[in-house]
C-alpha atoms as a PDB file:
ATOM      1  CA  MET A   1      87.969   8.657 -17.112  1.00  0.00           C
ATOM      2  CA  ALA A   2      90.304   9.824 -19.734  1.00  0.00           C
ATOM      3  CA  ILE A   3      90.093   8.114 -22.978  1.00  0.00           C
ATOM      4  CA  THR A   4      91.715   7.413 -26.468  1.00  0.00           C
ATOM      5  CA  HIS A   5      91.317   9.484 -30.259  1.00  0.00           C
ATOM      6  CA  VAL A   6      90.262   5.972 -31.581  1.00  0.00           C
ATOM      7  CA  GLU A   7      87.341   5.266 -28.892  1.00  0.00           C
ATOM      8  CA  VAL A   8      86.429   8.763 -29.723  1.00  0.00           C
ATOM      9  CA  GLN A   9      86.543   7.548 -33.180  1.00  0.00           C
ATOM     10  CA  GLN A  10      84.547   4.741 -32.054  1.00  0.00           C
ATOM     11  CA  ILE A  11      82.182   6.520 -30.450  1.00  0.00           C
ATOM     12  CA  GLY A  12      81.527   8.056 -33.756  1.00  0.00           C
ATOM     13  CA  GLU A  13      81.074   5.738 -35.643  1.00  0.00           C
ATOM     14  CA  LEU A  14      78.123   4.521 -33.671  1.00  0.00           C
ATOM     15  CA  VAL A  15      76.437   7.799 -33.801  1.00  0.00           C
ATOM     16  CA  ARG A  16      76.531   7.780 -37.655  1.00  0.00           C
ATOM     17  CA  GLN A  17      75.317   4.961 -37.009  1.00  0.00           C
ATOM     18  CA  HIS A  18      71.833   5.278 -35.637  1.00  0.00           C
ATOM     19  CA  GLN A  19      71.549   8.681 -36.401  1.00  0.00           C
ATOM     20  CA  ALA A  20      69.727   7.588 -39.256  1.00  0.00           C
ATOM     21  CA  GLY A  21      66.740   6.963 -37.886  1.00  0.00           C
ATOM     22  CA  PHE A  22      66.161  10.950 -37.309  1.00  0.00           C
ATOM     23  CA  ASP A  23      67.660  11.971 -39.905  1.00  0.00           C
ATOM     24  CA  ARG A  24      64.017   9.633 -41.966  1.00  0.00           C
ATOM     25  CA  LEU A  25      62.126  11.629 -38.676  1.00  0.00           C
ATOM     26  CA  LEU A  26      63.571  15.024 -39.721  1.00  0.00           C
ATOM     27  CA  THR A  27      63.133  14.304 -43.699  1.00  0.00           C
ATOM     28  CA  GLU A  28      59.315  13.336 -42.769  1.00  0.00           C
ATOM     29  CA  ILE A  29      57.835  15.615 -40.609  1.00  0.00           C
ATOM     30  CA  ARG A  30      59.478  18.352 -43.068  1.00  0.00           C
ATOM     31  CA  ARG A  31      57.151  17.028 -45.573  1.00  0.00           C
ATOM     32  CA  VAL A  32      54.648  19.475 -43.473  1.00  0.00           C
ATOM     33  CA  ILE A  33      56.453  22.024 -41.613  1.00  0.00           C
ATOM     34  CA  VAL A  34      58.148  24.525 -43.696  1.00  0.00           C
ATOM     35  CA  GLY A  35      61.903  26.177 -42.229  1.00  0.00           C
ATOM     36  CA  GLN A  36      61.702  26.220 -38.339  1.00  0.00           C
ATOM     37  CA  GLU A  37      64.986  23.995 -38.289  1.00  0.00           C
ATOM     38  CA  GLU A  38      66.188  25.158 -35.327  1.00  0.00           C
ATOM     39  CA  LEU A  39      62.007  24.306 -33.992  1.00  0.00           C
ATOM     40  CA  LEU A  40      62.678  21.304 -35.210  1.00  0.00           C
ATOM     41  CA  ARG A  41      66.310  19.765 -34.612  1.00  0.00           C
ATOM     42  CA  LYS A  42      65.692  21.448 -30.763  1.00  0.00           C
ATOM     43  CA  MET A  43      63.115  18.932 -30.484  1.00  0.00           C
ATOM     44  CA  LEU A  44      64.786  16.045 -31.230  1.00  0.00           C
ATOM     45  CA  VAL A  45      67.431  17.604 -28.496  1.00  0.00           C
ATOM     46  CA  GLY A  46      64.471  16.650 -26.172  1.00  0.00           C
ATOM     47  CA  LEU A  47      64.269  13.645 -27.667  1.00  0.00           C
ATOM     48  CA  LEU A  48      66.730  12.323 -27.416  1.00  0.00           C
ATOM     49  CA  SER A  49      67.572  13.502 -23.260  1.00  0.00           C
ATOM     50  CA  ASP A  50      64.164  12.461 -22.301  1.00  0.00           C
ATOM     51  CA  GLY A  51      63.217  16.193 -21.540  1.00  0.00           C
ATOM     52  CA  HIS A  52      59.975  17.681 -22.096  1.00  0.00           C
ATOM     53  CA  ILE A  53      60.002  20.297 -24.612  1.00  0.00           C
ATOM     54  CA  LEU A  54      57.815  23.867 -24.086  1.00  0.00           C
ATOM     55  CA  LEU A  55      56.906  25.953 -26.864  1.00  0.00           C
ATOM     56  CA  GLU A  56      56.477  29.730 -26.916  1.00  0.00           C
ATOM     57  CA  GLY A  57      54.697  31.054 -29.886  1.00  0.00           C
ATOM     58  CA  VAL A  58      51.829  33.279 -31.269  1.00  0.00           C
ATOM     59  CA  PRO A  59      49.146  31.298 -32.019  1.00  0.00           C
ATOM     60  CA  GLY A  60      49.165  29.697 -36.524  1.00  0.00           C
ATOM     61  CA  LEU A  61      52.982  29.027 -36.344  1.00  0.00           C
ATOM     62  CA  ALA A  62      52.614  25.382 -36.489  1.00  0.00           C
ATOM     63  CA  LYS A  63      53.884  24.418 -33.064  1.00  0.00           C
ATOM     64  CA  THR A  64      50.885  22.203 -32.522  1.00  0.00           C
ATOM     65  CA  THR A  65      51.190  20.690 -35.735  1.00  0.00           C
ATOM     66  CA  ALA A  66      55.486  20.517 -35.252  1.00  0.00           C
ATOM     67  CA  VAL A  67      54.111  18.368 -32.363  1.00  0.00           C
ATOM     68  CA  ALA A  68      52.021  16.124 -33.212  1.00  0.00           C
ATOM     69  CA  CYS A  69      54.619  15.959 -37.098  1.00  0.00           C
ATOM     70  CA  LEU A  70      56.981  14.632 -34.458  1.00  0.00           C
ATOM     71  CA  ALA A  71      55.091  12.376 -32.518  1.00  0.00           C
ATOM     72  CA  ARG A  72      53.117  10.718 -35.581  1.00  0.00           C
ATOM     73  CA  GLY A  73      56.715  10.122 -36.799  1.00  0.00           C
ATOM     74  CA  ILE A  74      57.843   7.271 -33.631  1.00  0.00           C
ATOM     75  CA  ASN A  75      55.497   3.931 -33.706  1.00  0.00           C
ATOM     76  CA  THR A  76      54.423   5.482 -29.972  1.00  0.00           C
ATOM     77  CA  ARG A  77      50.772   6.628 -28.244  1.00  0.00           C
ATOM     78  CA  PHE A  78      49.821  10.246 -29.049  1.00  0.00           C
ATOM     79  CA  GLN A  79      47.317  12.117 -26.937  1.00  0.00           C
ATOM     80  CA  ARG A  80      46.306  15.709 -27.611  1.00  0.00           C
ATOM     81  CA  ILE A  81      44.800  17.646 -24.860  1.00  0.00           C
ATOM     82  CA  GLN A  82      43.818  21.162 -25.244  1.00  0.00           C
ATOM     83  CA  PHE A  83      44.546  23.378 -21.856  1.00  0.00           C
ATOM     84  CA  THR A  84      40.863  25.380 -21.420  1.00  0.00           C
ATOM     85  CA  PRO A  85      40.273  27.254 -18.350  1.00  0.00           C
ATOM     86  CA  ASP A  86      36.922  25.409 -17.129  1.00  0.00           C
ATOM     87  CA  LEU A  87      39.707  21.803 -17.060  1.00  0.00           C
ATOM     88  CA  LEU A  88      40.013  19.764 -14.074  1.00  0.00           C
ATOM     89  CA  PRO A  89      42.968  17.876 -12.438  1.00  0.00           C
ATOM     90  CA  ALA A  90      41.059  15.149 -13.325  1.00  0.00           C
ATOM     91  CA  ASP A  91      40.516  15.251 -16.798  1.00  0.00           C
ATOM     92  CA  ILE A  92      44.435  14.956 -17.353  1.00  0.00           C
ATOM     93  CA  LEU A  93      45.021  12.347 -15.033  1.00  0.00           C
ATOM     94  CA  GLY A  94      41.971  10.114 -14.968  1.00  0.00           C
ATOM     95  CA  THR A  95      39.596   9.287 -11.936  1.00  0.00           C
ATOM     96  CA  LEU A  96      37.712   6.399 -10.696  1.00  0.00           C
ATOM     97  CA  VAL A  97      34.284   5.098 -11.428  1.00  0.00           C
ATOM     98  CA  PHE A  98      31.967   3.199  -9.874  1.00  0.00           C
ATOM     99  CA  GLN A  99      31.250  -0.428 -11.259  1.00  0.00           C
ATOM    100  CA  PRO A 100      27.397  -0.405 -10.066  1.00  0.00           C
ATOM    101  CA  GLN A 101      27.310  -4.710 -11.486  1.00  0.00           C
ATOM    102  CA  ASP A 102      29.418  -5.503  -8.765  1.00  0.00           C
ATOM    103  CA  GLY A 103      29.424  -2.203  -6.658  1.00  0.00           C
ATOM    104  CA  SER A 104      33.809  -1.573  -6.750  1.00  0.00           C
ATOM    105  CA  PHE A 105      35.708   1.283  -8.585  1.00  0.00           C
ATOM    106  CA  ALA A 106      37.821   1.045 -11.831  1.00  0.00           C
ATOM    107  CA  VAL A 107      40.223   3.169 -12.828  1.00  0.00           C
ATOM    108  CA  ARG A 108      40.036   5.029 -15.759  1.00  0.00           C
ATOM    109  CA  LYS A 109      43.123   6.047 -16.902  1.00  0.00           C
ATOM    110  CA  GLY A 110      43.151   9.990 -18.719  1.00  0.00           C
ATOM    111  CA  PRO A 111      44.755  10.791 -21.735  1.00  0.00           C
ATOM    112  CA  ILE A 112      48.097  11.084 -19.239  1.00  0.00           C
ATOM    113  CA  PHE A 113      48.899   7.737 -20.143  1.00  0.00           C
ATOM    114  CA  ALA A 114      50.747   8.137 -23.279  1.00  0.00           C
ATOM    115  CA  ASN A 115      54.738   7.791 -25.190  1.00  0.00           C
ATOM    116  CA  ILE A 116      54.107  12.088 -26.378  1.00  0.00           C
ATOM    117  CA  VAL A 117      51.578  14.055 -25.327  1.00  0.00           C
ATOM    118  CA  LEU A 118      50.563  17.183 -26.302  1.00  0.00           C
ATOM    119  CA  ALA A 119      50.214  19.649 -23.766  1.00  0.00           C
ATOM    120  CA  ASP A 120      48.186  22.550 -26.076  1.00  0.00           C
ATOM    121  CA  GLU A 121      48.313  26.732 -24.777  1.00  0.00           C
ATOM    122  CA  VAL A 122      49.188  25.023 -21.308  1.00  0.00           C
ATOM    123  CA  ASN A 123      48.721  28.082 -20.257  1.00  0.00           C
ATOM    124  CA  ARG A 124      45.143  28.725 -20.792  1.00  0.00           C
ATOM    125  CA  ALA A 125      43.962  26.534 -17.608  1.00  0.00           C
ATOM    126  CA  PRO A 126      44.510  27.820 -13.872  1.00  0.00           C
ATOM    127  CA  ALA A 127      47.369  26.785 -11.886  1.00  0.00           C
ATOM    128  CA  LYS A 128      45.576  23.618 -10.216  1.00  0.00           C
ATOM    129  CA  VAL A 129      45.629  21.317 -13.421  1.00  0.00           C
ATOM    130  CA  GLN A 130      48.994  22.875 -14.748  1.00  0.00           C
ATOM    131  CA  SER A 131      50.613  21.261 -11.730  1.00  0.00           C
ATOM    132  CA  ALA A 132      49.070  18.943 -12.363  1.00  0.00           C
ATOM    133  CA  LEU A 133      51.772  17.658 -14.704  1.00  0.00           C
ATOM    134  CA  LEU A 134      54.353  18.039 -12.208  1.00  0.00           C
ATOM    135  CA  GLU A 135      53.727  14.447 -10.738  1.00  0.00           C
ATOM    136  CA  ALA A 136      53.748  13.083 -14.205  1.00  0.00           C
ATOM    137  CA  MET A 137      56.734  14.791 -15.731  1.00  0.00           C
ATOM    138  CA  GLN A 138      58.912  14.545 -12.896  1.00  0.00           C
ATOM    139  CA  GLU A 139      58.359  11.045 -11.653  1.00  0.00           C
ATOM    140  CA  ARG A 140      57.188   9.416 -14.566  1.00  0.00           C
ATOM    141  CA  GLN A 141      54.158   8.013 -12.248  1.00  0.00           C
ATOM    142  CA  VAL A 142      50.835   9.713 -11.388  1.00  0.00           C
ATOM    143  CA  THR A 143      48.883   9.498  -8.723  1.00  0.00           C
ATOM    144  CA  ILE A 144      44.731   8.868  -8.616  1.00  0.00           C
ATOM    145  CA  SER A 145      42.869   8.656  -5.150  1.00  0.00           C
ATOM    146  CA  GLY A 146      45.721   7.626  -3.372  1.00  0.00           C
ATOM    147  CA  GLU A 147      47.056   4.994  -5.713  1.00  0.00           C
ATOM    148  CA  SER A 148      49.966   5.187  -8.261  1.00  0.00           C
ATOM    149  CA  TYR A 149      50.479   4.338 -11.812  1.00  0.00           C
ATOM    150  CA  PRO A 150      53.899   4.239 -13.095  1.00  0.00           C
ATOM    151  CA  LEU A 151      53.712   5.881 -16.901  1.00  0.00           C
ATOM    152  CA  GLU A 152      54.957   4.136 -19.516  1.00  0.00           C
ATOM    153  CA  GLN A 153      58.475   4.273 -21.815  1.00  0.00           C
ATOM    154  CA  PRO A 154      59.174   6.534 -23.948  1.00  0.00           C
ATOM    155  CA  PHE A 155      57.004   9.483 -21.836  1.00  0.00           C
ATOM    156  CA  LEU A 156      57.963  12.973 -22.648  1.00  0.00           C
ATOM    157  CA  VAL A 157      54.931  15.998 -22.280  1.00  0.00           C
ATOM    158  CA  LEU A 158      55.700  19.155 -25.405  1.00  0.00           C
ATOM    159  CA  ALA A 159      53.967  21.896 -24.058  1.00  0.00           C
ATOM    160  CA  THR A 160      52.563  25.166 -26.310  1.00  0.00           C
ATOM    161  CA  GLN A 161      51.756  27.572 -24.493  1.00  0.00           C
ATOM    162  CA  ASN A 162      51.348  31.427 -26.326  1.00  0.00           C
ATOM    163  CA  PRO A 163      53.425  34.952 -24.706  1.00  0.00           C
ATOM    164  CA  ILE A 164      51.892  35.367 -21.591  1.00  0.00           C
ATOM    165  CA  GLU A 165      50.547  39.429 -22.748  1.00  0.00           C
ATOM    166  CA  GLN A 166      47.959  37.209 -24.111  1.00  0.00           C
ATOM    167  CA  GLU A 167      44.772  37.667 -23.113  1.00  0.00           C
ATOM    168  CA  GLY A 168      42.937  34.480 -21.127  1.00  0.00           C
ATOM    169  CA  THR A 169      46.952  32.899 -20.305  1.00  0.00           C
ATOM    170  CA  TYR A 170      47.685  32.140 -16.780  1.00  0.00           C
ATOM    171  CA  PRO A 171      51.749  32.669 -16.275  1.00  0.00           C
ATOM    172  CA  LEU A 172      53.338  29.202 -15.306  1.00  0.00           C
ATOM    173  CA  PRO A 173      54.242  28.434 -12.067  1.00  0.00           C
ATOM    174  CA  GLU A 174      58.353  28.436 -11.488  1.00  0.00           C
ATOM    175  CA  ALA A 175      57.713  24.346  -9.801  1.00  0.00           C
ATOM    176  CA  GLN A 176      56.573  23.333 -13.315  1.00  0.00           C
ATOM    177  CA  VAL A 177      58.379  25.102 -16.193  1.00  0.00           C
ATOM    178  CA  ASP A 178      61.687  24.322 -14.492  1.00  0.00           C
ATOM    179  CA  ARG A 179      60.357  20.639 -15.182  1.00  0.00           C
ATOM    180  CA  PHE A 180      60.848  21.646 -18.949  1.00  0.00           C
ATOM    181  CA  MET A 181      64.359  20.589 -20.177  1.00  0.00           C
ATOM    182  CA  LEU A 182      63.521  23.433 -23.448  1.00  0.00           C
ATOM    183  CA  LYS A 183      61.397  26.686 -23.711  1.00  0.00           C
ATOM    184  CA  LEU A 184      61.964  27.340 -27.778  1.00  0.00           C
ATOM    185  CA  LEU A 185      60.353  30.379 -28.916  1.00  0.00           C
ATOM    186  CA  VAL A 186      58.901  29.919 -32.074  1.00  0.00           C
ATOM    187  CA  ASP A 187      58.920  33.075 -34.553  1.00  0.00           C
ATOM    188  CA  TYR A 188      57.196  34.319 -37.401  1.00  0.00           C
ATOM    189  CA  PRO A 189      58.472  32.472 -40.705  1.00  0.00           C
ATOM    190  CA  SER A 190      60.733  34.685 -43.386  1.00  0.00           C
ATOM    191  CA  PRO A 191      58.875  35.658 -46.880  1.00  0.00           C
ATOM    192  CA  ALA A 192      60.187  32.577 -48.911  1.00  0.00           C
ATOM    193  CA  GLU A 193      59.256  30.429 -46.509  1.00  0.00           C
ATOM    194  CA  GLU A 194      56.068  31.889 -46.106  1.00  0.00           C
ATOM    195  CA  ARG A 195      55.324  31.289 -49.829  1.00  0.00           C
ATOM    196  CA  GLN A 196      56.180  28.106 -49.456  1.00  0.00           C
ATOM    197  CA  ILE A 197      53.864  27.211 -46.984  1.00  0.00           C
ATOM    198  CA  LEU A 198      51.362  29.226 -49.100  1.00  0.00           C
ATOM    199  CA  ASP A 199      51.885  26.844 -52.508  1.00  0.00           C
ATOM    200  CA  ARG A 200      52.538  23.653 -50.451  1.00  0.00           C
ATOM    201  CA  MET A 201      48.799  23.654 -47.551  1.00  0.00           C
ATOM    202  CA  ALA A 202      46.979  27.129 -49.997  1.00  0.00           C
ATOM    203  CA  THR A 203      44.356  23.901 -50.824  1.00  0.00           C
ATOM    204  CA  HIS A 204      41.439  21.615 -50.264  1.00  0.00           C
ATOM    205  CA  ARG A 205      43.646  18.622 -49.978  1.00  0.00           C
ATOM    206  CA  GLY A 206      45.217  18.936 -46.614  1.00  0.00           C
ATOM    207  CA  VAL A 207      47.922  18.586 -45.045  1.00  0.00           C
ATOM    208  CA  PRO A 208      49.973  15.038 -45.840  1.00  0.00           C
ATOM    209  CA  ALA A 209      49.867  12.404 -43.241  1.00  0.00           C
ATOM    210  CA  ILE A 210      53.177  11.308 -41.609  1.00  0.00           C
ATOM    211  CA  ASN A 211      54.329   8.232 -41.526  1.00  0.00           C
ATOM    212  CA  ALA A 212      55.818   6.358 -37.852  1.00  0.00           C
ATOM    213  CA  VAL A 213      60.004   6.030 -39.736  1.00  0.00           C
ATOM    214  CA  ILE A 214      61.465   5.212 -35.673  1.00  0.00           C
ATOM    215  CA  GLU A 215      60.665   2.622 -34.038  1.00  0.00           C
ATOM    216  CA  PRO A 216      60.805   2.834 -29.635  1.00  0.00           C
ATOM    217  CA  ARG A 217      63.225   0.557 -29.437  1.00  0.00           C
ATOM    218  CA  GLU A 218      65.718   2.494 -31.528  1.00  0.00           C
ATOM    219  CA  LEU A 219      65.179   5.489 -29.988  1.00  0.00           C
ATOM    220  CA  PHE A 220      66.249   3.884 -26.526  1.00  0.00           C
ATOM    221  CA  ALA A 221      69.225   2.220 -27.887  1.00  0.00           C
ATOM    222  CA  ALA A 222      70.223   6.255 -29.554  1.00  0.00           C
ATOM    223  CA  ARG A 223      70.071   8.153 -26.116  1.00  0.00           C
ATOM    224  CA  LYS A 224      71.823   5.260 -24.828  1.00  0.00           C
ATOM    225  CA  VAL A 225      74.618   6.328 -27.362  1.00  0.00           C
ATOM    226  CA  VAL A 226      74.258   9.679 -26.365  1.00  0.00           C
ATOM    227  CA  ASP A 227      75.557   8.796 -23.126  1.00  0.00           C
ATOM    228  CA  GLU A 228      78.639   7.576 -24.484  1.00  0.00           C
ATOM    229  CA  ILE A 229      79.472  10.676 -25.952  1.00  0.00           C
ATOM    230  CA  TYR A 230      82.970  11.834 -24.919  1.00  0.00           C
ATOM    231  CA  MET A 231      82.428  15.040 -22.553  1.00  0.00           C
ATOM    232  CA  ASP A 232      86.813  16.963 -21.989  1.00  0.00           C
ATOM    233  CA  ASP A 233      86.476  17.951 -18.344  1.00  0.00           C
ATOM    234  CA  LYS A 234      87.027  21.547 -19.362  1.00  0.00           C
ATOM    235  CA  ILE A 235      83.874  21.881 -21.104  1.00  0.00           C
ATOM    236  CA  LYS A 236      82.037  20.358 -18.351  1.00  0.00           C
ATOM    237  CA  ASP A 237      83.746  23.212 -16.097  1.00  0.00           C
ATOM    238  CA  TYR A 238      82.776  25.499 -19.106  1.00  0.00           C
ATOM    239  CA  ILE A 239      78.345  24.095 -17.920  1.00  0.00           C
ATOM    240  CA  VAL A 240      79.372  24.985 -14.655  1.00  0.00           C
ATOM    241  CA  ALA A 241      80.546  28.096 -15.336  1.00  0.00           C
ATOM    242  CA  LEU A 242      77.790  29.866 -17.282  1.00  0.00           C
ATOM    243  CA  VAL A 243      75.319  28.115 -14.523  1.00  0.00           C
ATOM    244  CA  GLN A 244      76.897  29.552 -11.256  1.00  0.00           C
ATOM    245  CA  ALA A 245      77.489  33.137 -13.911  1.00  0.00           C
ATOM    246  CA  THR A 246      73.493  32.789 -13.750  1.00  0.00           C
ATOM    247  CA  ARG A 247      74.056  33.195  -9.052  1.00  0.00           C
ATOM    248  CA  ARG A 248      76.783  35.277  -9.065  1.00  0.00           C
ATOM    249  CA  PRO A 249      77.166  36.962 -11.835  1.00  0.00           C
ATOM    250  CA  ALA A 250      79.930  39.599 -10.233  1.00  0.00           C
ATOM    251  CA  GLU A 251      82.293  36.666  -9.117  1.00  0.00           C
ATOM    252  CA  PHE A 252      82.589  36.486 -12.816  1.00  0.00           C
ATOM    253  CA  ASN A 253      82.620  40.127 -13.390  1.00  0.00           C
ATOM    254  CA  LEU A 254      79.231  40.545 -15.009  1.00  0.00           C
ATOM    255  CA  LYS A 255      77.223  43.941 -14.902  1.00  0.00           C
ATOM    256  CA  VAL A 256      73.834  42.080 -15.289  1.00  0.00           C
ATOM    257  CA  ALA A 257      73.494  41.675 -10.780  1.00  0.00           C
ATOM    258  CA  GLU A 258      71.385  43.992 -11.074  1.00  0.00           C
ATOM    259  CA  TRP A 259      68.656  42.523 -13.474  1.00  0.00           C
ATOM    260  CA  ILE A 260      69.304  39.059 -12.398  1.00  0.00           C
ATOM    261  CA  GLU A 261      66.760  37.968  -9.407  1.00  0.00           C
ATOM    262  CA  TYR A 262      66.771  34.153  -8.998  1.00  0.00           C
ATOM    263  CA  GLY A 263      69.917  32.089 -11.409  1.00  0.00           C
ATOM    264  CA  ALA A 264      69.495  28.387 -13.037  1.00  0.00           C
ATOM    265  CA  SER A 265      68.812  25.706 -11.624  1.00  0.00           C
ATOM    266  CA  PRO A 266      70.577  22.369 -10.911  1.00  0.00           C
ATOM    267  CA  ARG A 267      68.775  21.104 -14.000  1.00  0.00           C
ATOM    268  CA  ALA A 268      70.268  23.477 -16.196  1.00  0.00           C
ATOM    269  CA  THR A 269      73.543  21.976 -15.291  1.00  0.00           C
ATOM    270  CA  ILE A 270      72.387  18.296 -16.057  1.00  0.00           C
ATOM    271  CA  TYR A 271      70.168  19.722 -19.269  1.00  0.00           C
ATOM    272  CA  LEU A 272      73.029  21.714 -20.301  1.00  0.00           C
ATOM    273  CA  ALA A 273      75.770  18.075 -20.249  1.00  0.00           C
ATOM    274  CA  LEU A 274      72.511  15.789 -21.859  1.00  0.00           C
ATOM    275  CA  GLY A 275      71.473  19.192 -24.747  1.00  0.00           C
ATOM    276  CA  ALA A 276      74.954  19.266 -25.938  1.00  0.00           C
ATOM    277  CA  ARG A 277      75.932  15.883 -26.278  1.00  0.00           C
ATOM    278  CA  ALA A 278      72.738  15.697 -28.086  1.00  0.00           C
ATOM    279  CA  MET A 279      73.456  18.348 -30.495  1.00  0.00           C
ATOM    280  CA  ALA A 280      76.463  16.186 -30.917  1.00  0.00           C
ATOM    281  CA  PHE A 281      74.916  13.615 -31.807  1.00  0.00           C
ATOM    282  CA  LEU A 282      72.564  15.378 -34.137  1.00  0.00           C
ATOM    283  CA  ALA A 283      75.653  16.476 -36.035  1.00  0.00           C
ATOM    284  CA  GLY A 284      77.389  13.189 -36.204  1.00  0.00           C
ATOM    285  CA  ARG A 285      79.920  13.267 -33.694  1.00  0.00           C
ATOM    286  CA  GLY A 286      81.240  11.299 -30.821  1.00  0.00           C
ATOM    287  CA  TYR A 287      82.255  14.211 -29.360  1.00  0.00           C
ATOM    288  CA  VAL A 288      81.524  17.303 -27.435  1.00  0.00           C
ATOM    289  CA  THR A 289      82.454  20.801 -28.161  1.00  0.00           C
ATOM    290  CA  PRO A 290      82.076  24.540 -26.624  1.00  0.00           C
ATOM    291  CA  GLN A 291      79.230  25.459 -29.770  1.00  0.00           C
ATOM    292  CA  ASP A 292      77.172  22.086 -28.626  1.00  0.00           C
ATOM    293  CA  VAL A 293      77.131  23.793 -25.886  1.00  0.00           C
ATOM    294  CA  LYS A 294      76.898  27.673 -26.651  1.00  0.00           C
ATOM    295  CA  ASP A 295      73.840  26.565 -29.669  1.00  0.00           C
ATOM    296  CA  ILE A 296      71.843  24.832 -26.464  1.00  0.00           C
ATOM    297  CA  ALA A 297      72.276  27.128 -23.339  1.00  0.00           C
ATOM    298  CA  PRO A 298      69.328  30.127 -24.716  1.00  0.00           C
ATOM    299  CA  ASP A 299      67.169  27.295 -24.995  1.00  0.00           C
ATOM    300  CA  ILE A 300      67.801  25.659 -21.285  1.00  0.00           C
ATOM    301  CA  LEU A 301      68.556  28.970 -19.666  1.00  0.00           C
ATOM    302  CA  ARG A 302      66.101  31.324 -20.710  1.00  0.00           C
ATOM    303  CA  HIS A 303      63.129  29.705 -18.433  1.00  0.00           C
ATOM    304  CA  ARG A 304      65.238  29.714 -15.016  1.00  0.00           C
ATOM    305  CA  VAL A 305      67.258  32.826 -14.996  1.00  0.00           C
ATOM    306  CA  ILE A 306      64.615  35.149 -13.732  1.00  0.00           C
ATOM    307  CA  VAL A 307      64.762  38.435 -14.064  1.00  0.00           C
ATOM    308  CA  SER A 308      64.403  41.478 -11.678  1.00  0.00           C
ATOM    309  CA  TYR A 309      62.343  44.544 -12.105  1.00  0.00           C
ATOM    310  CA  GLU A 310      65.630  46.691 -12.536  1.00  0.00           C
ATOM    311  CA  ALA A 311      65.182  44.207 -16.141  1.00  0.00           C
ATOM    312  CA  GLU A 312      61.603  44.652 -16.314  1.00  0.00           C
ATOM    313  CA  ALA A 313      62.292  48.607 -16.513  1.00  0.00           C
ATOM    314  CA  GLU A 314      64.820  48.877 -18.343  1.00  0.00           C
ATOM    315  CA  GLU A 315      63.035  46.116 -20.974  1.00  0.00           C
ATOM    316  CA  GLN A 316      65.904  43.686 -20.729  1.00  0.00           C
ATOM    317  CA  THR A 317      64.825  39.448 -20.773  1.00  0.00           C
ATOM    318  CA  SER A 318      65.895  36.355 -19.646  1.00  0.00           C
ATOM    319  CA  ASP A 319      67.608  36.186 -22.874  1.00  0.00           C
ATOM    320  CA  ASP A 320      68.616  39.434 -22.404  1.00  0.00           C
ATOM    321  CA  VAL A 321      70.765  38.008 -19.659  1.00  0.00           C
ATOM    322  CA  VAL A 322      71.801  34.890 -20.724  1.00  0.00           C
ATOM    323  CA  ARG A 323      73.310  36.424 -24.427  1.00  0.00           C
ATOM    324  CA  HIS A 324      75.611  38.094 -21.968  1.00  0.00           C
ATOM    325  CA  VAL A 325      76.978  35.535 -20.075  1.00  0.00           C
ATOM    326  CA  LEU A 326      76.991  33.140 -23.326  1.00  0.00           C
ATOM    327  CA  ASP A 327      79.806  36.578 -24.464  1.00  0.00           C
ATOM    328  CA  HIS A 328      81.376  37.336 -21.122  1.00  0.00           C
ATOM    329  CA  ILE A 329      82.292  33.640 -20.278  1.00  0.00           C
ATOM    330  CA  GLU A 330      85.703  32.599 -21.569  1.00  0.00           C
ATOM    331  CA  VAL A 331      84.991  29.697 -23.325  1.00  0.00           C
ATOM    332  CA  PRO A 332      87.362  26.441 -23.516  1.00  0.00           C
END
């Protein structure tokens, strides 16, 4: 559908009105988190796109703290689940409890019944527990003893995991990984940022308290605005080309076919469009640029492109493949 320049300007004005609350949220989180600007911005992209987020990094990089700060900055229910090797699915979802007074069974809901759920060190639990999250993440409901219970909106799972090579970790099933909109890699701080961390945290005063600065209704309103952000047909075609190139690289004259076992799923196409619009929203624009797509693409594609044994033998990662695709697909 064609859209006029005036309409794009009107959408941009609407974006800037609703953006203020998220600027407040970022300011609040920065009172605790030093640096990690890309991480914080991409977490807001997931929040605006209603997409679950997987954070990966070695212990001690403030992954858990960042998620907790984001959750507390929104006036919603927050639950943290610490994943361990002895965790059971019922520990997450809930179970039936016998009531001796009248001989009936009552549902005791688990910690998944919250608005923002932190699944901490999700890859330290075995596959059965990891897969217990699947229905909740995809269907936004939980089944306990054959009865389905809807989860209250907003509902977002933010999971942290340690690198797979670390001792005591289990690889997440591909089906579960694909349900995360974004996989964010958390790196070490710079020397200047580490000095700031020292000055701010190396005392016994503790971490500053985070105030709730956004209401759920503001989030829902912002998501509606994100849906209105204009995306040109050429950018939509560019998104489709990026995803198709991960499946059939030879057709796009890319020399990475032997590195790819499986390409990205159709969820990647959907999330690239949602993520690009959210990036435009955070930039205060009423329209999507190709750079918005390129900025969010690595975080959406890196866990959906499965590399082959040949790639592993040549020490090529999915990030290398995605970078090659982004460098060689023509930008509109």
